[in-house]
Protein backbone atom coordinates (compact mmCIF):
# COMPACT_ATOMS: atom_id res chain seq x y z
CA UNK A 1 -23.03 15.78 -23.10
CA UNK A 2 -21.94 12.39 -24.41
CA UNK A 3 -19.02 10.63 -22.87
CA UNK A 4 -16.22 9.72 -25.27
CA UNK A 5 -15.13 6.13 -25.59
CA UNK A 6 -11.56 6.89 -24.50
CA UNK A 7 -12.75 8.67 -21.34
CA UNK A 8 -14.94 5.70 -20.47
CA UNK A 9 -12.04 3.33 -21.13
CA UNK A 10 -9.75 5.39 -18.92
CA UNK A 11 -12.37 5.46 -16.15
CA UNK A 12 -12.78 1.68 -16.38
CA UNK A 13 -9.02 1.16 -16.30
CA UNK A 14 -8.60 3.44 -13.26
CA UNK A 15 -11.48 1.72 -11.47
CA UNK A 16 -10.00 -1.72 -12.21
CA UNK A 17 -6.56 -0.61 -11.05
CA UNK A 18 -7.90 0.92 -7.84
CA UNK A 19 -9.95 -2.20 -7.08
CA UNK A 20 -6.95 -4.42 -7.65
CA UNK A 21 -4.71 -2.09 -5.64
CA UNK A 22 -7.08 -2.46 -2.68
CA UNK A 23 -7.18 -6.25 -3.05
CA UNK A 24 -3.37 -6.41 -3.14
CA UNK A 25 -3.25 -4.09 -0.11
CA UNK A 26 -5.53 -6.46 1.80
CA UNK A 27 -3.24 -9.34 0.84
CA UNK A 28 -0.28 -7.28 2.00
CA UNK A 29 -1.97 -6.79 5.36
CA UNK A 30 -2.46 -10.55 5.69
CA UNK A 31 1.22 -11.11 4.90
CA UNK A 32 2.23 -8.36 7.33
CA UNK A 33 0.23 -9.70 10.25
CA UNK A 34 1.13 -13.33 9.46
CA UNK A 35 4.88 -12.67 9.42
CA UNK A 36 4.56 -10.57 12.57
CA UNK A 37 2.62 -13.35 14.31
CA UNK A 38 5.20 -15.98 13.35
CA UNK A 39 8.07 -13.80 14.54
CA UNK A 40 6.41 -12.89 17.86
CA UNK A 41 4.85 -16.22 18.78
CA UNK A 42 6.56 -18.83 16.63
CA UNK A 43 10.15 -17.58 16.86
CA UNK A 44 9.50 -15.78 20.18
CA UNK A 45 10.97 -12.42 19.15
CA UNK A 46 8.95 -10.44 21.67
CA UNK A 47 11.41 -10.37 24.57
CA UNK A 48 12.67 -6.84 24.10
CA UNK A 49 11.76 -3.57 22.45
CA UNK A 50 14.49 -4.16 19.86
CA UNK A 51 13.03 -7.57 18.99
CA UNK A 52 9.55 -6.09 18.68
CA UNK A 53 10.74 -3.26 16.43
CA UNK A 54 12.91 -5.64 14.41
CA UNK A 55 9.97 -8.01 13.95
CA UNK A 56 7.80 -5.14 12.81
CA UNK A 57 10.38 -4.00 10.26
CA UNK A 58 10.78 -7.53 8.88
CA UNK A 59 7.01 -8.05 8.62
CA UNK A 60 6.53 -4.66 6.92
CA UNK A 61 9.38 -5.44 4.53
CA UNK A 62 7.84 -8.80 3.60
CA UNK A 63 4.46 -7.19 2.96
CA UNK A 64 5.94 -4.33 0.91
CA UNK A 65 7.99 -6.75 -1.21
CA UNK A 66 4.98 -8.95 -1.90
CA UNK A 67 2.69 -6.03 -2.77
CA UNK A 68 5.35 -4.56 -5.06
CA UNK A 69 5.39 -7.70 -7.20
CA UNK A 70 1.64 -8.27 -7.03
CA UNK A 71 0.85 -4.68 -7.95
CA UNK A 72 3.26 -4.81 -10.87
CA UNK A 73 1.52 -7.65 -12.67
CA UNK A 74 -1.98 -7.90 -11.21
CA UNK A 75 -2.82 -4.23 -10.66
CA UNK A 76 -0.88 -2.29 -13.27
CA UNK A 77 0.13 -4.95 -15.81
CA UNK A 78 3.70 -3.71 -15.72
CA UNK A 79 7.00 -5.46 -16.11
CA UNK A 80 9.12 -5.62 -12.96
CA UNK A 81 12.12 -4.46 -14.97
CA UNK A 82 10.24 -1.25 -15.81
CA UNK A 83 9.18 -0.72 -12.20
CA UNK A 84 11.10 1.12 -9.53
CA UNK A 85 11.36 -0.68 -6.19
CA UNK A 86 13.14 2.18 -4.40
CA UNK A 87 10.37 4.58 -5.47
CA UNK A 88 7.84 2.06 -4.17
CA UNK A 89 9.58 1.88 -0.79
CA UNK A 90 9.73 5.68 -0.47
CA UNK A 91 6.06 6.05 -1.42
CA UNK A 92 5.01 3.32 1.02
CA UNK A 93 7.08 4.93 3.79
CA UNK A 94 5.47 8.30 3.02
CA UNK A 95 2.07 6.62 3.12
CA UNK A 96 2.89 5.13 6.51
CA UNK A 97 3.84 8.61 7.76
CA UNK A 98 0.59 10.06 6.41
CA UNK A 99 -1.36 7.23 8.01
CA UNK A 100 0.29 7.46 11.43
CA UNK A 101 0.59 11.25 11.35
CA UNK A 102 -3.09 11.69 10.55
CA UNK A 103 -4.03 9.23 13.27
CA UNK A 104 -1.80 10.94 15.85
CA UNK A 105 -3.00 14.40 14.89
CA UNK A 106 -6.67 13.48 15.03
CA UNK A 107 -6.35 11.58 18.30
CA UNK A 108 -3.84 13.74 20.20
CA UNK A 109 -4.76 17.28 19.13
CA UNK A 110 -7.85 16.72 17.03
CA UNK A 111 -11.45 15.86 17.59
CA UNK A 112 -11.15 12.05 17.65
CA UNK A 113 -9.56 11.37 21.04
CA UNK A 114 -12.61 9.35 22.02
CA UNK A 115 -12.89 7.76 18.55
CA UNK A 116 -9.45 6.40 17.62
CA UNK A 117 -10.86 3.88 15.11
CA UNK A 118 -12.39 6.73 13.10
CA UNK A 119 -9.00 8.44 13.11
CA UNK A 120 -7.39 5.18 11.99
CA UNK A 121 -9.81 4.85 9.07
CA UNK A 122 -9.21 8.46 7.98
CA UNK A 123 -5.44 7.92 8.11
CA UNK A 124 -5.74 4.72 6.10
CA UNK A 125 -7.93 6.33 3.45
CA UNK A 126 -5.59 9.30 3.00
CA UNK A 127 -2.51 7.06 2.82
CA UNK A 128 -4.18 4.68 0.35
CA UNK A 129 -5.16 7.53 -1.98
CA UNK A 130 -1.63 8.95 -1.78
CA UNK A 131 -0.02 5.57 -2.38
CA UNK A 132 -2.26 4.66 -5.32
CA UNK A 133 -1.72 7.95 -7.14
CA UNK A 134 2.04 8.06 -6.57
CA UNK A 135 2.68 4.37 -7.22
CA UNK A 136 0.68 4.57 -10.44
CA UNK A 137 2.70 7.56 -11.63
CA UNK A 138 6.21 6.89 -10.34
CA UNK A 139 6.62 3.12 -10.01
CA UNK A 140 4.69 1.18 -12.64
CA UNK A 141 4.81 2.47 -16.14
CA UNK A 142 2.96 0.70 -18.91
CA UNK A 143 5.08 -0.02 -21.99
CA UNK A 144 2.80 -1.26 -24.78
CA UNK A 145 5.68 -2.79 -26.72
CA UNK A 146 6.76 -4.88 -23.70
CA UNK A 147 3.80 -5.26 -21.35
CA UNK A 148 0.32 -6.60 -21.88
CA UNK A 149 -2.14 -4.90 -19.45
CA UNK A 150 -4.64 -7.78 -19.43
């Protein structure tokens, strides 16, 4: 059965978006760990549990903000004004819960107590799939009259 041109174009677009989403996510991780490192070791915000948690929240917020803007233009070719930052935050928070919940479930009550890195990878994969699908649908919408996807 021959593949139609529009199906092939859609597959190529999805593949390109997923690849770019993963690249932006890697960049977000670099931002996350860099901000956290500066706060812990440069500003010395590691003296208390509150400082550690506060540093983590700030670093996560910086990474989420950066990936929101990068995903808008680079990944989805969308205008920021047609994107929904609150939706993005909620989806990212849900992804974090999926990631950590999967990890905890697999390590604490599941079969990966002796293999926590495997559990971490599984949690990351599930959260990434969730985030990509939901962000694509509920955050960045392509408007051909306003946005240019390439």
